[in-house]
Amino acid sequence: MIISKTLPEIIKKINEKLASNVNELENLPANLSSVVDAMTAFMHILGLSRDSLKKILLTGDFEEYPEDKHMH
């Protein structure tokens, strides 16, 4: 019951974080001159997203969302 109530908000936050990361990726300097450079940047962003999800889903650490009472 609790999961079904909180899951939509978690999904919303994940999508917001993903959009933020995509925006950050789009704003990277144009000197990503190879596929390797682009993949490295992308993997870094994926790692940040993974870490955020671990905090939220595994440890219940919502420090990235201190003002959002629904996340708590």
Protein backbone atom coordinates (compact mmCIF):
# COMPACT_ATOMS: atom_id res chain seq x y z
CA MET A 1 0.00 0.00 0.00
CA ILE A 2 2.78 2.40 0.96
CA ILE A 3 4.72 1.56 -2.19
CA SER A 4 1.70 2.17 -4.40
CA LYS A 5 1.23 5.58 -2.76
CA THR A 6 4.85 6.70 -3.00
CA LEU A 7 5.88 5.10 -6.30
CA PRO A 8 4.31 7.79 -8.54
CA GLU A 9 6.21 10.51 -6.68
CA ILE A 10 9.44 8.53 -6.87
CA ILE A 11 8.93 8.05 -10.61
CA LYS A 12 8.29 11.78 -10.96
CA LYS A 13 11.52 12.59 -9.13
CA ILE A 14 13.46 10.08 -11.24
CA ASN A 15 12.09 11.63 -14.42
CA GLU A 16 12.96 15.11 -13.17
CA LYS A 17 16.50 13.98 -12.34
CA LEU A 18 16.79 12.29 -15.73
CA ALA A 19 15.63 15.45 -17.50
CA SER A 20 18.14 17.47 -15.47
CA ASN A 21 20.92 15.06 -16.41
CA VAL A 22 19.92 15.10 -20.07
CA ASN A 23 19.97 18.89 -19.94
CA GLU A 24 23.40 18.79 -18.34
CA LEU A 25 24.60 16.39 -21.04
CA GLU A 26 23.30 18.72 -23.74
CA ASN A 27 25.17 21.61 -22.15
CA LEU A 28 28.52 19.86 -22.14
CA PRO A 29 31.23 21.52 -24.17
CA ALA A 30 31.33 20.77 -27.87
CA ASN A 31 34.80 19.25 -27.52
CA LEU A 32 33.31 15.79 -27.12
CA SER A 33 34.98 14.85 -30.35
CA SER A 34 34.65 11.09 -30.15
CA VAL A 35 32.17 8.43 -29.23
CA VAL A 36 34.45 7.50 -26.34
CA ASP A 37 34.25 11.04 -24.91
CA ALA A 38 30.47 11.08 -25.26
CA MET A 39 30.08 7.63 -23.69
CA THR A 40 32.35 8.61 -20.80
CA ALA A 41 30.22 11.68 -20.07
CA PHE A 42 27.03 9.64 -20.41
CA MET A 43 28.31 6.92 -18.08
CA HIS A 44 29.21 9.58 -15.53
CA ILE A 45 25.67 10.94 -15.61
CA LEU A 46 24.24 7.42 -15.35
CA GLY A 47 26.45 6.82 -12.33
CA LEU A 48 25.12 9.94 -10.63
CA SER A 49 21.56 8.80 -11.31
CA ARG A 50 22.35 5.32 -10.00
CA ASP A 51 23.80 6.78 -6.81
CA SER A 52 20.72 8.94 -6.32
CA LEU A 53 18.42 5.93 -6.79
CA LYS A 54 20.49 3.87 -4.35
CA LYS A 55 20.14 6.58 -1.74
CA ILE A 56 16.40 6.83 -2.20
CA LEU A 57 15.41 3.22 -2.72
CA LEU A 58 17.92 1.26 -0.65
CA THR A 59 18.82 3.49 2.27
CA GLY A 60 15.84 5.83 2.40
CA ASP A 61 18.13 8.85 2.22
CA PHE A 62 16.15 11.74 0.77
CA GLU A 63 18.71 14.49 1.36
CA GLU A 64 18.40 15.57 -2.29
CA TYR A 65 14.75 16.42 -1.61
CA PRO A 66 14.70 18.04 1.84
CA GLU A 67 11.64 20.19 1.13
CA ASP A 68 9.52 17.44 -0.40
CA LYS A 69 7.49 15.90 2.43
CA HIS A 70 5.94 13.28 0.13
CA MET A 71 9.35 11.73 -0.43
CA HIS A 72 9.72 11.21 3.33
